[in-house]
Amino acid sequence: MLFPTGIFAIFFAVVFLGHWTLVRFRPAWHKPFLLAANLAFYAFWSVEFCAALLLVGFWTWGIGLLAGRGRSRAWLWLGIAGTLGWLFYFKYTNFFLQEVVARLDWLGVGAMPLLEIVLPVGISFYVFQAISYMVDAYEGAAEPEPSPLNVLAYLTFFPHLAAGPIVRAAHFLPQLHTPPDRFRIPVVMACILILGGLFKKVVIASELATGIVDPVFRDPSAHGALDIWLASYGYTIQIFCDFSAYSDMAIGFAALLGYHFPKNFDQPFRAVTLSEFWRRWHISLSTWLRDYVYIRCFGGNRRHVGVALMATMVLGGIWHGAAWTFVLWGVIHGAALGVERALGGKAVPVTTGGRVLRWFITFHIVVFAFVLFRAHDMAGFWAMLAGLVQFDLPNESVTWRLLALTLLGLSFHFWPADLRERIEGALRRVPPVVLGVLGGVALLLILLAGPEGVAPFIYFQF
């Protein structure tokens, strides 16, 4: 059930009306209704995995009670191990089996069959949120919930269930303790985020995917250098527009239901260092890795900073998927962050020209790593690198429209940081009827401008 589809629009309209009706007339029922809507959203994809998600929720709630307020570190570790074991089975079992099969084949031993494992949608996101709750409950940052209802509603909340943001328990659970205020729905802000997200997803990300990224990455050897270069830049813009679109729409839909999510992207491609990039890109994941892995597991800045950075980024790569391409993506970022930390910003002077050079280097490290991130395997990655100098082959995918969309997506990072707030302030003065007409026209134009069909969001596979 994708955001930019008619069936989701009907689903959300029903949930919106039911939710606010219950908040007004039967406040005690609004959370059970919300939980039912969350489960219906997930069950639309798989009833079996919906039941499994419930089991993870009850496990998380139970560990929170047993380990909460520092009661038992052993229960906390058991809870984390059990939750990570669930993630490991679905996401990494076949990867390790493939490696074993490759070694056995090299030794001339008969290969073992791989398992037919379907990856549950959103498993990486709700597992990290479950860990967030257990750790926060143990450390006192979040109160252990006596009833499972709030924990289940938090883990399964449909706007962020499939692809984030990874909302902390300490941030979201307090919002469930009282009914949301129906007089303080940020309608204008939510609509700007939803329509803006639709534009980024439907017009830019989908067009870049079908027009150049998918064809080139599918067979790099059949494309010329200009195709390869534009596909590399195009995927960098595609993944930003695709993922930030989902985050924006998730924040918007949650806001229409009275709940607040933190920002997940903050113009990341304007960063002049890798550390600044990670403060702006997928903020909910980068801060989760910082707080729960870099600091708690590896000691943060207290000791062996380079090792801690590398280990954290490699684990971040593995979180995205079970493939050597993701591992090496993490290695690239870990190594670049380590070099950056060692240099301490002394390699390039802090002048206007120096900042431009820093931005250029940082951006191209990100682009280079994203080529590895997108490649199907290492052979595909090497083929993409080789294709960067294939000037003797024809360039059949480059068009002015695709180049313009790529530049438009990059330009978003250099617009005024408070542009959305300015637009929101101006639209608040517009009569509701006019505002509705403007929103309808914008929606129609977005749908007309995009290609036919809606591809799944990239982060659904994680």
Protein backbone atom coordinates (compact mmCIF):
# COMPACT_ATOMS: atom_id res chain seq x y z
CA MET A 1 0.00 0.00 0.00
CA LEU A 2 2.08 2.88 -1.33
CA PHE A 3 1.63 6.51 -0.29
CA PRO A 4 1.05 7.95 -3.77
CA THR A 5 -1.79 5.58 -4.73
CA GLY A 6 -5.57 5.78 -4.73
CA ILE A 7 -5.99 2.89 -2.31
CA PHE A 8 -3.79 4.60 0.27
CA ALA A 9 -5.75 7.83 -0.17
CA ILE A 10 -8.97 5.95 0.65
CA PHE A 11 -7.29 4.17 3.58
CA PHE A 12 -5.96 7.41 5.04
CA ALA A 13 -9.29 9.21 4.62
CA VAL A 14 -11.03 6.46 6.62
CA VAL A 15 -8.33 6.48 9.30
CA PHE A 16 -8.32 10.28 9.51
CA LEU A 17 -12.10 10.52 9.96
CA GLY A 18 -12.28 7.60 12.38
CA HIS A 19 -9.31 8.79 14.43
CA TRP A 20 -10.52 12.34 14.98
CA THR A 21 -14.12 11.24 15.56
CA LEU A 22 -12.96 8.95 18.35
CA VAL A 23 -10.61 11.57 19.77
CA ARG A 24 -13.57 13.90 20.11
CA PHE A 25 -16.36 11.52 21.23
CA ARG A 26 -14.65 8.35 22.54
CA PRO A 27 -11.06 9.30 23.51
CA ALA A 28 -10.38 5.93 25.15
CA TRP A 29 -10.96 4.16 21.83
CA HIS A 30 -8.71 6.18 19.57
CA LYS A 31 -5.52 4.23 20.34
CA PRO A 32 -7.07 0.78 19.79
CA PHE A 33 -8.51 2.13 16.53
CA LEU A 34 -5.09 3.49 15.53
CA LEU A 35 -3.44 0.15 16.32
CA ALA A 36 -6.06 -1.66 14.24
CA ALA A 37 -5.39 0.73 11.34
CA ASN A 38 -1.64 0.15 11.65
CA LEU A 39 -2.08 -3.60 11.54
CA ALA A 40 -4.48 -3.38 8.60
CA PHE A 41 -1.91 -1.30 6.73
CA TYR A 42 0.77 -3.96 7.26
CA ALA A 43 -1.57 -6.91 6.76
CA PHE A 44 -2.43 -5.55 3.33
CA TRP A 45 1.06 -6.76 2.39
CA SER A 46 1.27 -9.91 4.55
CA VAL A 47 -1.03 -11.24 7.26
CA GLU A 48 1.63 -13.68 8.46
CA PHE A 49 4.28 -11.01 8.91
CA CYS A 50 1.71 -8.76 10.53
CA ALA A 51 1.20 -11.44 13.19
CA ALA A 52 4.97 -11.73 13.54
CA LEU A 53 5.22 -7.95 13.98
CA LEU A 54 2.76 -8.23 16.85
CA LEU A 55 4.96 -10.87 18.49
CA VAL A 56 7.97 -8.57 18.20
CA GLY A 57 5.87 -5.83 19.80
CA PHE A 58 4.85 -8.00 22.77
CA TRP A 59 8.45 -9.16 23.17
CA THR A 60 9.64 -5.54 23.22
CA TRP A 61 6.97 -4.53 25.73
CA GLY A 62 7.77 -7.48 28.02
CA ILE A 63 11.51 -6.78 27.99
CA GLY A 64 10.77 -3.14 28.78
CA LEU A 65 8.92 -4.21 31.94
CA LEU A 66 11.58 -6.72 33.00
CA ALA A 67 14.58 -4.49 32.31
CA GLY A 68 13.05 -1.05 32.81
CA ARG A 69 14.57 1.52 35.15
CA GLY A 70 17.83 -0.41 35.36
CA ARG A 71 16.25 -3.54 36.82
CA SER A 72 18.20 -6.10 34.81
CA ARG A 73 20.95 -5.68 32.24
CA ALA A 74 20.67 -9.42 31.49
CA TRP A 75 17.03 -9.03 30.39
CA LEU A 76 18.01 -6.03 28.28
CA TRP A 77 20.73 -7.98 26.48
CA LEU A 78 18.36 -10.89 25.97
CA GLY A 79 15.77 -8.53 24.51
CA ILE A 80 18.26 -6.94 22.14
CA ALA A 81 19.70 -10.32 21.13
CA GLY A 82 16.26 -11.75 20.43
CA THR A 83 15.23 -8.76 18.34
CA LEU A 84 18.48 -8.70 16.39
CA GLY A 85 18.21 -12.47 15.91
CA TRP A 86 14.84 -11.90 14.22
CA LEU A 87 16.44 -9.34 11.91
CA PHE A 88 19.48 -11.53 11.29
CA TYR A 89 17.45 -14.55 10.20
CA PHE A 90 15.46 -12.71 7.57
CA LYS A 91 18.15 -10.38 6.31
CA TYR A 92 21.44 -12.22 6.57
CA THR A 93 20.88 -15.98 6.60
CA ASN A 94 21.09 -16.43 2.84
CA PHE A 95 24.07 -14.09 2.61
CA PHE A 96 26.08 -16.31 4.95
CA LEU A 97 24.79 -19.46 3.24
CA GLN A 98 25.94 -18.05 -0.11
CA GLU A 99 29.40 -17.43 1.31
CA VAL A 100 29.51 -20.99 2.69
CA VAL A 101 28.33 -22.37 -0.65
CA ALA A 102 31.06 -20.41 -2.44
CA ARG A 103 33.74 -21.83 -0.11
CA LEU A 104 32.36 -25.39 -0.47
CA ASP A 105 32.29 -25.04 -4.23
CA TRP A 106 35.92 -23.90 -4.19
CA LEU A 107 36.78 -27.02 -2.15
CA GLY A 108 34.81 -29.23 -4.54
CA VAL A 109 32.18 -30.11 -1.95
CA GLY A 110 28.52 -30.35 -2.95
CA ALA A 111 26.59 -27.12 -2.45
CA MET A 112 23.78 -26.75 0.07
CA PRO A 113 20.46 -25.22 -1.04
CA LEU A 114 19.58 -21.64 -0.10
CA LEU A 115 16.45 -20.94 1.90
CA GLU A 116 13.45 -19.20 0.40
CA ILE A 117 13.27 -16.26 2.82
CA VAL A 118 11.04 -13.27 2.15
CA LEU A 119 12.24 -10.07 3.81
CA PRO A 120 9.43 -8.44 5.81
CA VAL A 121 8.81 -4.84 4.77
CA GLY A 122 10.20 -2.35 7.27
CA ILE A 123 11.92 -4.95 9.46
CA SER A 124 15.13 -2.91 9.81
CA PHE A 125 13.16 0.13 10.94
CA TYR A 126 10.86 -1.48 13.49
CA VAL A 127 13.72 -3.57 14.94
CA PHE A 128 15.77 -0.42 15.59
CA GLN A 129 12.72 1.23 17.16
CA ALA A 130 12.20 -1.82 19.37
CA ILE A 131 15.82 -1.59 20.53
CA SER A 132 15.32 2.13 21.14
CA TYR A 133 12.40 1.39 23.46
CA MET A 134 14.18 -1.35 25.40
CA VAL A 135 17.35 0.70 25.93
CA ASP A 136 15.45 3.90 26.75
CA ALA A 137 13.24 2.03 29.22
CA TYR A 138 16.29 0.47 30.88
CA GLU A 139 18.15 3.79 31.14
CA GLY A 140 15.10 5.78 32.23
CA ALA A 141 14.82 7.96 29.13
CA ALA A 142 11.36 6.42 28.54
CA GLU A 143 9.00 5.05 31.14
CA PRO A 144 8.29 1.30 30.85
CA GLU A 145 4.73 0.99 29.60
CA PRO A 146 2.46 -1.05 31.91
CA SER A 147 0.12 -1.85 29.02
CA PRO A 148 1.30 -3.19 25.64
CA LEU A 149 -1.05 -0.87 23.74
CA ASN A 150 1.27 2.11 23.59
CA VAL A 151 4.32 0.03 22.65
CA LEU A 152 2.40 -1.75 19.89
CA ALA A 153 1.00 1.53 18.56
CA TYR A 154 4.51 3.03 18.59
CA LEU A 155 6.18 0.15 16.74
CA THR A 156 3.41 -0.30 14.16
CA PHE A 157 2.45 3.35 13.50
CA PHE A 158 1.76 3.15 9.77
CA PRO A 159 3.21 6.48 8.51
CA HIS A 160 6.75 5.38 9.43
CA LEU A 161 6.33 1.60 9.61
CA ALA A 162 7.63 0.67 6.15
CA ALA A 163 10.58 3.04 5.70
CA GLY A 164 11.02 5.28 8.73
CA PRO A 165 11.94 7.75 10.06
CA ILE A 166 13.29 5.78 13.03
CA VAL A 167 11.43 7.64 15.76
CA ARG A 168 12.79 7.22 19.29
CA ALA A 169 10.54 5.77 21.96
CA ALA A 170 11.41 8.66 24.28
CA HIS A 171 10.14 11.07 21.62
CA PHE A 172 6.97 9.30 20.51
CA LEU A 173 5.57 7.45 23.52
CA PRO A 174 4.81 10.62 25.54
CA GLN A 175 2.61 11.73 22.62
CA LEU A 176 0.47 8.60 23.11
CA HIS A 177 -0.20 9.29 26.77
CA THR A 178 -2.86 11.90 26.01
CA PRO A 179 -5.21 12.29 23.03
CA PRO A 180 -3.89 14.67 20.34
CA ASP A 181 -5.34 18.17 20.18
CA ARG A 182 -7.84 18.37 17.30
CA PHE A 183 -7.59 22.18 17.31
CA ARG A 184 -3.86 22.17 16.60
CA ILE A 185 -3.55 20.12 13.42
CA PRO A 186 -0.79 21.69 11.27
CA VAL A 187 -2.75 21.22 8.04
CA VAL A 188 -0.77 23.66 5.90
CA MET A 189 2.60 22.28 6.99
CA ALA A 190 1.45 18.69 6.48
CA CYS A 191 0.07 19.39 3.00
CA ILE A 192 3.27 21.16 1.93
CA LEU A 193 5.31 18.15 3.05
CA ILE A 194 2.98 15.63 1.40
CA LEU A 195 2.75 17.49 -1.92
CA GLY A 196 6.47 18.24 -1.90
CA GLY A 197 7.18 14.59 -1.18
CA LEU A 198 4.89 13.52 -4.02
CA PHE A 199 6.71 15.84 -6.41
CA LYS A 200 10.12 14.50 -5.41
CA LYS A 201 8.97 10.89 -5.65
CA VAL A 202 6.64 10.92 -8.67
CA VAL A 203 8.32 13.52 -10.87
CA ILE A 204 12.03 13.42 -10.05
CA ALA A 205 12.88 10.05 -8.46
CA SER A 206 10.62 7.93 -10.69
CA GLU A 207 11.68 9.72 -13.86
CA LEU A 208 15.39 9.38 -13.08
CA ALA A 209 14.92 5.72 -12.16
CA THR A 210 13.11 4.70 -15.34
CA GLY A 211 14.90 7.12 -17.66
CA ILE A 212 18.55 6.46 -16.87
CA VAL A 213 19.44 4.90 -13.51
CA ASP A 214 17.80 1.48 -13.91
CA PRO A 215 18.84 0.93 -17.57
CA VAL A 216 22.47 1.96 -16.97
CA PHE A 217 23.00 0.03 -13.74
CA ARG A 218 21.32 -3.01 -15.30
CA ASP A 219 23.94 -3.19 -18.07
CA PRO A 220 26.75 -0.61 -17.75
CA SER A 221 28.76 -2.16 -20.59
CA ALA A 222 26.07 -1.17 -23.10
CA HIS A 223 26.27 2.54 -22.27
CA GLY A 224 28.72 5.31 -22.98
CA ALA A 225 30.59 7.47 -20.52
CA LEU A 226 28.03 10.29 -20.44
CA ASP A 227 25.28 7.77 -19.63
CA ILE A 228 27.40 6.36 -16.80
CA TRP A 229 28.24 9.78 -15.38
CA LEU A 230 24.63 10.99 -15.47
CA ALA A 231 23.37 7.70 -14.00
CA SER A 232 25.86 8.07 -11.13
CA TYR A 233 24.77 11.62 -10.34
CA GLY A 234 21.17 10.71 -11.15
CA TYR A 235 21.06 7.89 -8.61
CA THR A 236 22.47 10.20 -5.93
CA ILE A 237 19.60 12.60 -6.59
CA GLN A 238 17.09 9.76 -7.03
CA ILE A 239 17.82 8.17 -3.66
CA PHE A 240 17.62 11.55 -1.93
CA CYS A 241 14.33 12.49 -3.61
CA ASP A 242 12.89 9.00 -3.11
CA PHE A 243 13.80 8.59 0.55
CA SER A 244 13.31 12.18 1.67
CA ALA A 245 9.94 12.09 -0.11
CA TYR A 246 8.85 9.13 1.99
CA SER A 247 10.10 10.83 5.16
CA ASP A 248 8.33 14.09 4.30
CA MET A 249 5.06 12.32 3.57
CA ALA A 250 5.37 10.22 6.73
CA ILE A 251 5.90 13.37 8.78
CA GLY A 252 2.95 15.02 7.01
CA PHE A 253 0.52 12.13 7.49
CA ALA A 254 1.55 11.75 11.14
CA ALA A 255 1.01 15.49 11.64
CA LEU A 256 -2.52 15.24 10.21
CA LEU A 257 -3.22 12.64 12.90
CA GLY A 258 -1.82 14.93 15.59
CA TYR A 259 1.64 13.38 16.06
CA HIS A 260 5.05 14.97 15.59
CA PHE A 261 8.05 13.35 13.92
CA PRO A 262 11.50 14.98 13.86
CA LYS A 263 13.07 16.10 10.57
CA ASN A 264 14.90 13.31 8.75
CA PHE A 265 16.74 15.26 6.01
CA ASP A 266 18.28 18.71 6.13
CA GLN A 267 19.74 19.58 2.71
CA PRO A 268 22.50 16.95 3.00
CA PHE A 269 24.21 17.70 -0.33
CA ARG A 270 25.20 21.16 0.81
CA ALA A 271 27.54 19.62 3.40
CA VAL A 272 31.22 20.56 3.17
CA THR A 273 32.42 17.61 5.30
CA LEU A 274 31.36 13.99 5.65
CA SER A 275 30.51 14.48 9.31
CA GLU A 276 28.22 17.36 8.34
CA PHE A 277 26.69 15.17 5.63
CA TRP A 278 25.77 12.57 8.24
CA ARG A 279 24.26 15.24 10.46
CA ARG A 280 21.97 16.10 7.54
CA TRP A 281 21.32 12.73 5.81
CA HIS A 282 18.85 10.18 7.22
CA ILE A 283 19.14 11.94 10.55
CA SER A 284 17.08 9.37 12.44
CA LEU A 285 19.47 6.56 11.42
CA SER A 286 22.71 8.53 11.82
CA THR A 287 21.77 9.72 15.31
CA TRP A 288 20.59 6.19 16.23
CA LEU A 289 23.95 4.75 15.14
CA ARG A 290 25.77 7.53 16.98
CA ASP A 291 23.89 7.10 20.26
CA TYR A 292 23.32 3.35 20.41
CA VAL A 293 26.38 2.02 18.53
CA TYR A 294 29.19 4.59 18.28
CA ILE A 295 28.87 5.85 21.88
CA ARG A 296 27.38 2.93 23.82
CA CYS A 297 29.17 0.07 22.03
CA PHE A 298 32.50 1.61 20.97
CA GLY A 299 33.01 4.41 23.46
CA GLY A 300 32.52 7.30 21.04
CA ASN A 301 35.28 9.87 21.11
CA ARG A 302 36.85 8.53 24.30
CA ARG A 303 39.10 5.90 22.69
CA HIS A 304 40.12 4.47 19.31
CA VAL A 305 38.00 6.99 17.41
CA GLY A 306 39.05 5.73 13.98
CA VAL A 307 38.14 2.14 14.83
CA ALA A 308 34.83 3.25 16.33
CA LEU A 309 33.95 5.28 13.23
CA MET A 310 34.84 2.43 10.88
CA ALA A 311 32.94 -0.18 12.88
CA THR A 312 29.87 2.05 13.17
CA MET A 313 29.76 2.83 9.46
CA VAL A 314 30.32 -0.80 8.46
CA LEU A 315 27.44 -1.82 10.71
CA GLY A 316 25.41 0.98 9.09
CA GLY A 317 26.22 -0.51 5.70
CA ILE A 318 25.26 -4.02 6.83
CA TRP A 319 22.00 -2.61 8.21
CA HIS A 320 21.08 -1.61 4.67
CA GLY A 321 21.56 -5.08 3.26
CA ALA A 322 23.44 -8.37 3.22
CA ALA A 323 25.91 -7.79 0.39
CA TRP A 324 29.58 -6.90 0.05
CA THR A 325 28.58 -3.73 -1.77
CA PHE A 326 26.89 -2.43 1.40
CA VAL A 327 29.86 -3.48 3.53
CA LEU A 328 32.26 -1.58 1.29
CA TRP A 329 29.90 1.40 1.18
CA GLY A 330 30.26 1.53 4.97
CA VAL A 331 34.05 1.12 4.67
CA ILE A 332 34.27 4.09 2.31
CA HIS A 333 32.31 6.34 4.67
CA GLY A 334 34.17 5.03 7.72
CA ALA A 335 37.57 5.60 6.10
CA ALA A 336 36.60 9.07 4.83
CA LEU A 337 35.30 10.08 8.27
CA GLY A 338 38.49 8.76 9.88
CA VAL A 339 40.72 10.72 7.49
CA GLU A 340 38.60 13.81 8.00
CA ARG A 341 38.89 13.47 11.78
CA ALA A 342 42.67 12.92 11.57
CA LEU A 343 43.18 15.99 9.38
CA GLY A 344 41.00 18.10 11.60
CA GLY A 345 39.99 20.35 8.71
CA LYS A 346 43.58 21.51 8.15
CA ALA A 347 44.01 20.14 4.63
CA VAL A 348 41.89 22.83 2.98
CA PRO A 349 41.84 26.50 4.10
CA VAL A 350 38.55 27.87 5.43
CA THR A 351 37.94 30.39 2.67
CA THR A 352 35.21 30.69 0.06
CA GLY A 353 37.32 28.75 -2.42
CA GLY A 354 38.26 26.29 0.31
CA ARG A 355 34.61 25.67 1.20
CA VAL A 356 33.76 25.06 -2.46
CA LEU A 357 36.62 22.58 -2.75
CA ARG A 358 35.52 20.84 0.45
CA TRP A 359 31.97 20.64 -0.85
CA PHE A 360 33.18 19.24 -4.19
CA ILE A 361 35.25 16.52 -2.50
CA THR A 362 32.53 15.62 -0.01
CA PHE A 363 29.81 15.45 -2.65
CA HIS A 364 31.86 13.21 -4.92
CA ILE A 365 32.77 10.84 -2.10
CA VAL A 366 29.03 10.50 -1.49
CA VAL A 367 28.35 9.97 -5.22
CA PHE A 368 31.13 7.39 -5.53
CA ALA A 369 29.83 5.49 -2.51
CA PHE A 370 26.25 5.59 -3.81
CA VAL A 371 27.37 3.93 -7.07
CA LEU A 372 28.57 1.04 -4.90
CA PHE A 373 25.34 1.22 -2.89
CA ARG A 374 23.22 0.88 -6.05
CA ALA A 375 25.27 -1.71 -7.92
CA HIS A 376 23.77 -5.22 -7.96
CA ASP A 377 27.15 -6.73 -7.04
CA MET A 378 30.86 -5.97 -7.14
CA ALA A 379 31.05 -6.90 -10.82
CA GLY A 380 28.40 -4.29 -11.59
CA PHE A 381 30.31 -1.70 -9.57
CA TRP A 382 33.56 -2.33 -11.47
CA ALA A 383 31.62 -2.17 -14.74
CA MET A 384 30.25 1.25 -13.74
CA LEU A 385 33.75 2.51 -12.93
CA ALA A 386 35.10 1.18 -16.21
CA GLY A 387 32.22 2.84 -18.05
CA LEU A 388 33.21 6.30 -16.83
CA VAL A 389 35.84 6.41 -19.58
CA GLN A 390 33.94 4.54 -22.31
CA PHE A 391 33.79 7.52 -24.64
CA ASP A 392 33.74 5.32 -27.74
CA LEU A 393 30.26 3.94 -26.96
CA PRO A 394 27.04 5.77 -27.88
CA ASN A 395 25.14 7.64 -25.17
CA GLU A 396 21.49 6.68 -25.63
CA SER A 397 19.98 7.60 -22.25
CA VAL A 398 21.15 11.19 -21.68
CA THR A 399 18.42 13.76 -22.32
CA TRP A 400 18.04 17.41 -21.43
CA ARG A 401 14.99 16.54 -19.30
CA LEU A 402 16.94 14.04 -17.18
CA LEU A 403 19.83 16.46 -16.82
CA ALA A 404 17.41 19.21 -15.76
CA LEU A 405 15.74 16.94 -13.18
CA THR A 406 19.13 15.99 -11.75
CA LEU A 407 20.15 19.64 -11.43
CA LEU A 408 16.75 20.52 -9.95
CA GLY A 409 17.12 17.82 -7.31
CA LEU A 410 20.60 19.09 -6.45
CA SER A 411 19.38 22.69 -6.31
CA PHE A 412 16.98 21.83 -3.44
CA HIS A 413 20.02 21.73 -1.16
CA PHE A 414 20.91 25.35 -1.81
CA TRP A 415 17.49 26.93 -1.45
CA PRO A 416 16.88 28.96 1.75
CA ALA A 417 16.75 26.57 4.69
CA ASP A 418 13.52 28.15 5.97
CA LEU A 419 11.74 28.20 2.59
CA ARG A 420 9.05 25.77 3.69
CA GLU A 421 8.30 27.88 6.76
CA ARG A 422 8.03 31.00 4.58
CA ILE A 423 5.59 29.27 2.20
CA GLU A 424 3.63 27.95 5.17
CA GLY A 425 3.37 31.43 6.67
CA ALA A 426 2.10 32.86 3.39
CA LEU A 427 -0.46 30.09 2.83
CA ARG A 428 -1.93 30.46 6.32
CA ARG A 429 -3.41 33.75 5.17
CA VAL A 430 -5.17 32.09 2.23
CA PRO A 431 -8.88 31.19 2.68
CA PRO A 432 -9.40 27.42 3.21
CA VAL A 433 -11.45 27.01 0.02
CA VAL A 434 -8.74 28.64 -2.10
CA LEU A 435 -6.12 26.58 -0.29
CA GLY A 436 -8.02 23.40 -1.12
CA VAL A 437 -8.24 24.35 -4.80
CA LEU A 438 -4.52 25.15 -4.92
CA GLY A 439 -3.72 21.79 -3.32
CA GLY A 440 -5.94 19.94 -5.78
CA VAL A 441 -4.37 21.68 -8.76
CA ALA A 442 -0.86 20.96 -7.45
CA LEU A 443 -1.74 17.29 -6.96
CA LEU A 444 -3.16 17.04 -10.49
CA LEU A 445 -0.08 18.67 -12.03
CA ILE A 446 2.24 16.33 -10.13
CA LEU A 447 0.35 13.26 -11.31
CA LEU A 448 0.33 14.51 -14.90
CA ALA A 449 4.04 15.33 -14.84
CA GLY A 450 5.19 11.95 -13.55
CA PRO A 451 5.66 8.71 -15.51
CA GLU A 452 2.94 6.06 -15.57
CA GLY A 453 2.91 3.80 -12.52
CA VAL A 454 4.56 4.20 -9.13
CA ALA A 455 7.72 2.27 -8.31
CA PRO A 456 8.20 1.06 -4.72
CA PHE A 457 10.24 3.32 -2.50
CA ILE A 458 13.93 2.36 -2.46
CA TYR A 459 14.04 1.90 1.30
CA PHE A 460 11.22 -0.65 1.26
CA GLN A 461 13.94 -3.24 0.53
CA PHE A 462 15.73 -2.42 3.78
